[in-house]
Every structure is written in C-alpha cells, then in structure tokens.
Amino acid sequence: MQEIVCGRAGKAFVENTKSCRCECPALIRLQRSNSMDNGWYIADKRCHTKVSSRK
C-alpha cells in the first residue's frame, strides 16, 4: 500500500509560524492489484477541505 498525501497535510511544528500546513486530509491510497500485471488501483481517496484564507 502507498499513500500520496497533500503537501499541506500535517500540522506546523511550531505555532505562530508562516506554515502552509493546515491538516489537509486529501490523499490517494494505492494498493497492488491481484492480477499478473503488477498494477495498482486506487483503494481510497479523500478530497481537499475548504480552508479560509488569511489576510
């Protein structure tokens, strides 16, 4: 299994910093197919959440 996550996933290590991390849950979870072609399939996907912009 492989997970490809959003670049904004996670939380900033230090608060009050200019970090683009906003705990975005977006990801694609890939799993190997059982066929002989050694392929992959998308087992799960989560979309981006709407984040209010700071001004």
PDB file of N, CA and C in Angstrom:
ATOM      1  N   MET A   1       0.850  -1.177   0.000  1.00  0.00           N
ATOM      2  CA  MET A   1       0.000   0.000   0.000  1.00  0.00           C
ATOM      3  C   MET A   1       0.895   1.239   0.000  1.00  0.00           C
ATOM      4  N   GLN A   2       0.493   2.237  -0.751  1.00  0.00           N
ATOM      5  CA  GLN A   2       1.184   3.526  -0.804  1.00  0.00           C
ATOM      6  C   GLN A   2       0.151   4.622  -0.577  1.00  0.00           C
ATOM      7  N   GLU A   3       0.526   5.644   0.172  1.00  0.00           N
ATOM      8  CA  GLU A   3      -0.337   6.803   0.359  1.00  0.00           C
ATOM      9  C   GLU A   3       0.356   8.027  -0.204  1.00  0.00           C
ATOM     10  N   ILE A   4      -0.346   8.755  -1.039  1.00  0.00           N
ATOM     11  CA  ILE A   4       0.146  10.024  -1.570  1.00  0.00           C
ATOM     12  C   ILE A   4      -0.714  11.100  -0.927  1.00  0.00           C
ATOM     13  N   VAL A   5      -0.105  11.939  -0.117  1.00  0.00           N
ATOM     14  CA  VAL A   5      -0.851  12.932   0.646  1.00  0.00           C
ATOM     15  C   VAL A   5      -0.623  14.335   0.090  1.00  0.00           C
ATOM     16  N   CYS A   6      -1.482  15.237   0.483  1.00  0.00           N
ATOM     17  CA  CYS A   6      -1.383  16.634   0.088  1.00  0.00           C
ATOM     18  C   CYS A   6      -0.137  17.266   0.715  1.00  0.00           C
ATOM     19  N   GLY A   7       0.437  18.225   0.030  1.00  0.00           N
ATOM     20  CA  GLY A   7       1.597  18.944   0.562  1.00  0.00           C
ATOM     21  C   GLY A   7       1.263  19.782   1.782  1.00  0.00           C
ATOM     22  N   ARG A   8      -0.014  20.004   2.035  1.00  0.00           N
ATOM     23  CA  ARG A   8      -0.435  20.770   3.209  1.00  0.00           C
ATOM     24  C   ARG A   8      -0.880  19.871   4.358  1.00  0.00           C
ATOM     25  N   ALA A   9      -0.650  18.580   4.224  1.00  0.00           N
ATOM     26  CA  ALA A   9      -1.035  17.640   5.282  1.00  0.00           C
ATOM     27  C   ALA A   9      -0.176  17.866   6.517  1.00  0.00           C
ATOM     28  N   GLY A  10      -0.693  17.494   7.650  1.00  0.00           N
ATOM     29  CA  GLY A  10       0.064  17.620   8.889  1.00  0.00           C
ATOM     30  C   GLY A  10      -0.168  18.946   9.580  1.00  0.00           C
ATOM     31  N   LYS A  11       0.593  19.154  10.613  1.00  0.00           N
ATOM     32  CA  LYS A  11       0.452  20.339  11.453  1.00  0.00           C
ATOM     33  C   LYS A  11       1.811  21.008  11.574  1.00  0.00           C
ATOM     34  N   ALA A  12       1.826  22.301  11.681  1.00  0.00           N
ATOM     35  CA  ALA A  12       3.086  23.028  11.857  1.00  0.00           C
ATOM     36  C   ALA A  12       3.742  22.603  13.175  1.00  0.00           C
ATOM     37  N   PHE A  13       5.060  22.455  13.154  1.00  0.00           N
ATOM     38  CA  PHE A  13       5.770  22.032  14.360  1.00  0.00           C
ATOM     39  C   PHE A  13       5.752  23.116  15.435  1.00  0.00           C
ATOM     40  N   VAL A  14       5.812  24.359  14.990  1.00  0.00           N
ATOM     41  CA  VAL A  14       5.810  25.486  15.917  1.00  0.00           C
ATOM     42  C   VAL A  14       4.633  26.378  15.563  1.00  0.00           C
ATOM     43  N   GLU A  15       3.844  26.744  16.556  1.00  0.00           N
ATOM     44  CA  GLU A  15       2.708  27.619  16.285  1.00  0.00           C
ATOM     45  C   GLU A  15       3.196  29.031  15.985  1.00  0.00           C
ATOM     46  N   ASN A  16       2.327  29.827  15.367  1.00  0.00           N
ATOM     47  CA  ASN A  16       2.607  31.220  15.005  1.00  0.00           C
ATOM     48  C   ASN A  16       3.753  31.341  13.996  1.00  0.00           C
ATOM     49  N   THR A  17       3.867  30.375  13.098  1.00  0.00           N
ATOM     50  CA  THR A  17       4.852  30.465  12.026  1.00  0.00           C
ATOM     51  C   THR A  17       4.110  30.549  10.699  1.00  0.00           C
ATOM     52  N   LYS A  18       4.799  30.973   9.677  1.00  0.00           N
ATOM     53  CA  LYS A  18       4.190  31.022   8.347  1.00  0.00           C
ATOM     54  C   LYS A  18       4.316  29.646   7.712  1.00  0.00           C
ATOM     55  N   SER A  19       3.414  28.789   8.045  1.00  0.00           N
ATOM     56  CA  SER A  19       3.420  27.436   7.517  1.00  0.00           C
ATOM     57  C   SER A  19       2.191  27.229   6.651  1.00  0.00           C
ATOM     58  N   CYS A  20       2.349  26.491   5.579  1.00  0.00           N
ATOM     59  CA  CYS A  20       1.200  26.198   4.724  1.00  0.00           C
ATOM     60  C   CYS A  20       0.477  24.944   5.198  1.00  0.00           C
ATOM     61  N   ARG A  21       0.959  24.305   6.241  1.00  0.00           N
ATOM     62  CA  ARG A  21       0.316  23.092   6.741  1.00  0.00           C
ATOM     63  C   ARG A  21      -0.985  23.443   7.449  1.00  0.00           C
ATOM     64  N   CYS A  22      -2.043  22.795   7.007  1.00  0.00           N
ATOM     65  CA  CYS A  22      -3.360  23.113   7.571  1.00  0.00           C
ATOM     66  C   CYS A  22      -4.164  21.845   7.863  1.00  0.00           C
ATOM     67  N   GLU A  23      -3.462  20.737   8.101  1.00  0.00           N
ATOM     68  CA  GLU A  23      -4.086  19.450   8.401  1.00  0.00           C
ATOM     69  C   GLU A  23      -5.035  19.002   7.291  1.00  0.00           C
ATOM     70  N   CYS A  24      -4.680  19.253   6.057  1.00  0.00           N
ATOM     71  CA  CYS A  24      -5.498  18.865   4.914  1.00  0.00           C
ATOM     72  C   CYS A  24      -5.582  17.335   4.845  1.00  0.00           C
ATOM     73  N   PRO A  25      -6.787  16.789   4.756  1.00  0.00           N
ATOM     74  CA  PRO A  25      -6.934  15.331   4.753  1.00  0.00           C
ATOM     75  C   PRO A  25      -6.808  14.689   3.364  1.00  0.00           C
ATOM     76  N   ALA A  26      -6.536  15.491   2.329  1.00  0.00           N
ATOM     77  CA  ALA A  26      -6.522  14.953   0.968  1.00  0.00           C
ATOM     78  C   ALA A  26      -5.442  13.886   0.803  1.00  0.00           C
ATOM     79  N   LEU A  27      -5.830  12.760   0.206  1.00  0.00           N
ATOM     80  CA  LEU A  27      -4.878  11.700  -0.078  1.00  0.00           C
ATOM     81  C   LEU A  27      -5.433  10.749  -1.117  1.00  0.00           C
ATOM     82  N   ILE A  28      -4.549   9.984  -1.703  1.00  0.00           N
ATOM     83  CA  ILE A  28      -4.914   8.864  -2.558  1.00  0.00           C
ATOM     84  C   ILE A  28      -4.189   7.660  -1.987  1.00  0.00           C
ATOM     85  N   ARG A  29      -4.922   6.597  -1.694  1.00  0.00           N
ATOM     86  CA  ARG A  29      -4.333   5.374  -1.162  1.00  0.00           C
ATOM     87  C   ARG A  29      -4.316   4.323  -2.282  1.00  0.00           C
ATOM     88  N   LEU A  30      -3.126   3.872  -2.627  1.00  0.00           N
ATOM     89  CA  LEU A  30      -2.956   2.916  -3.718  1.00  0.00           C
ATOM     90  C   LEU A  30      -2.641   1.534  -3.154  1.00  0.00           C
ATOM     91  N   GLN A  31      -3.216   0.515  -3.792  1.00  0.00           N
ATOM     92  CA  GLN A  31      -2.909  -0.858  -3.416  1.00  0.00           C
ATOM     93  C   GLN A  31      -2.591  -1.657  -4.662  1.00  0.00           C
ATOM     94  N   ARG A  32      -1.800  -2.701  -4.493  1.00  0.00           N
ATOM     95  CA  ARG A  32      -1.445  -3.576  -5.610  1.00  0.00           C
ATOM     96  C   ARG A  32      -2.652  -4.388  -6.045  1.00  0.00           C
ATOM     97  N   SER A  33      -2.789  -4.556  -7.352  1.00  0.00           N
ATOM     98  CA  SER A  33      -3.859  -5.407  -7.862  1.00  0.00           C
ATOM     99  C   SER A  33      -3.416  -6.866  -7.766  1.00  0.00           C
ATOM    100  N   ASN A  34      -4.376  -7.764  -7.758  1.00  0.00           N
ATOM    101  CA  ASN A  34      -4.078  -9.183  -7.642  1.00  0.00           C
ATOM    102  C   ASN A  34      -3.742  -9.822  -8.980  1.00  0.00           C
ATOM    103  N   SER A  35      -3.844  -9.059 -10.040  1.00  0.00           N
ATOM    104  CA  SER A  35      -3.595  -9.608 -11.368  1.00  0.00           C
ATOM    105  C   SER A  35      -2.099  -9.795 -11.613  1.00  0.00           C
ATOM    106  N   MET A  36      -1.779 -10.432 -12.706  1.00  0.00           N
ATOM    107  CA  MET A  36      -0.390 -10.726 -13.048  1.00  0.00           C
ATOM    108  C   MET A  36       0.352  -9.532 -13.634  1.00  0.00           C
ATOM    109  N   ASP A  37      -0.330  -8.388 -13.849  1.00  0.00           N
ATOM    110  CA  ASP A  37       0.316  -7.245 -14.488  1.00  0.00           C
ATOM    111  C   ASP A  37       1.058  -6.334 -13.511  1.00  0.00           C
ATOM    112  N   ASN A  38       1.093  -6.696 -12.235  1.00  0.00           N
ATOM    113  CA  ASN A  38       1.766  -5.888 -11.206  1.00  0.00           C
ATOM    114  C   ASN A  38       1.242  -4.460 -11.175  1.00  0.00           C
ATOM    115  N   GLY A  39      -0.043  -4.286 -11.399  1.00  0.00           N
ATOM    116  CA  GLY A  39      -0.638  -2.954 -11.424  1.00  0.00           C
ATOM    117  C   GLY A  39      -1.040  -2.456 -10.046  1.00  0.00           C
ATOM    118  N   TRP A  40      -1.555  -1.243 -10.026  1.00  0.00           N
ATOM    119  CA  TRP A  40      -2.030  -0.593  -8.813  1.00  0.00           C
ATOM    120  C   TRP A  40      -3.470  -0.153  -9.034  1.00  0.00           C
ATOM    121  N   TYR A  41      -4.230   0.004  -7.968  1.00  0.00           N
ATOM    122  CA  TYR A  41      -5.563   0.590  -8.059  1.00  0.00           C
ATOM    123  C   TYR A  41      -5.780   1.528  -6.887  1.00  0.00           C
ATOM    124  N   ILE A  42      -6.675   2.490  -7.065  1.00  0.00           N
ATOM    125  CA  ILE A  42      -6.986   3.454  -6.013  1.00  0.00           C
ATOM    126  C   ILE A  42      -7.975   2.819  -5.054  1.00  0.00           C
ATOM    127  N   ALA A  43      -7.539   2.593  -3.830  1.00  0.00           N
ATOM    128  CA  ALA A  43      -8.371   1.958  -2.815  1.00  0.00           C
ATOM    129  C   ALA A  43      -9.186   2.988  -2.035  1.00  0.00           C
ATOM    130  N   ASP A  44      -8.664   4.214  -1.931  1.00  0.00           N
ATOM    131  CA  ASP A  44      -9.340   5.253  -1.157  1.00  0.00           C
ATOM    132  C   ASP A  44      -8.875   6.600  -1.672  1.00  0.00           C
ATOM    133  N   LYS A  45      -9.768   7.580  -1.621  1.00  0.00           N
ATOM    134  CA  LYS A  45      -9.372   8.951  -1.949  1.00  0.00           C
ATOM    135  C   LYS A  45     -10.136   9.895  -1.032  1.00  0.00           C
ATOM    136  N   ARG A  46      -9.481  10.945  -0.644  1.00  0.00           N
ATOM    137  CA  ARG A  46     -10.096  11.985   0.179  1.00  0.00           C
ATOM    138  C   ARG A  46      -9.783  13.324  -0.462  1.00  0.00           C
ATOM    139  N   CYS A  47     -10.795  14.149  -0.552  1.00  0.00           N
ATOM    140  CA  CYS A  47     -10.648  15.448  -1.217  1.00  0.00           C
ATOM    141  C   CYS A  47     -10.176  16.518  -0.243  1.00  0.00           C
ATOM    142  N   HIS A  48      -9.737  17.629  -0.816  1.00  0.00           N
ATOM    143  CA  HIS A  48      -9.313  18.782  -0.026  1.00  0.00           C
ATOM    144  C   HIS A  48     -10.506  19.383   0.699  1.00  0.00           C
ATOM    145  N   THR A  49     -10.245  19.958   1.847  1.00  0.00           N
ATOM    146  CA  THR A  49     -11.273  20.712   2.553  1.00  0.00           C
ATOM    147  C   THR A  49     -11.096  22.179   2.215  1.00  0.00           C
ATOM    148  N   LYS A  50     -12.144  22.918   2.308  1.00  0.00           N
ATOM    149  CA  LYS A  50     -12.056  24.354   2.033  1.00  0.00           C
ATOM    150  C   LYS A  50     -11.467  25.042   3.256  1.00  0.00           C
ATOM    151  N   VAL A  51     -10.409  25.792   3.024  1.00  0.00           N
ATOM    152  CA  VAL A  51      -9.727  26.497   4.101  1.00  0.00           C
ATOM    153  C   VAL A  51      -9.934  27.984   3.891  1.00  0.00           C
ATOM    154  N   SER A  52     -10.309  28.667   4.942  1.00  0.00           N
ATOM    155  CA  SER A  52     -10.483  30.109   4.815  1.00  0.00           C
ATOM    156  C   SER A  52      -9.109  30.755   4.685  1.00  0.00           C
ATOM    157  N   SER A  53      -9.009  31.697   3.791  1.00  0.00           N
ATOM    158  CA  SER A  53      -7.730  32.370   3.573  1.00  0.00           C
ATOM    159  C   SER A  53      -7.499  33.439   4.628  1.00  0.00           C
ATOM    160  N   ARG A  54      -6.242  33.584   4.995  1.00  0.00           N
ATOM    161  CA  ARG A  54      -5.872  34.612   5.972  1.00  0.00           C
ATOM    162  C   ARG A  54      -5.463  35.875   5.245  1.00  0.00           C
ATOM    163  N   LYS A  55      -5.846  37.023   5.777  1.00  0.00           N
ATOM    164  CA  LYS A  55      -5.474  38.298   5.169  1.00  0.00           C
ATOM    165  C   LYS A  55      -4.647  39.114   6.108  1.00  0.00           C
TER     166      LYS A  55
END
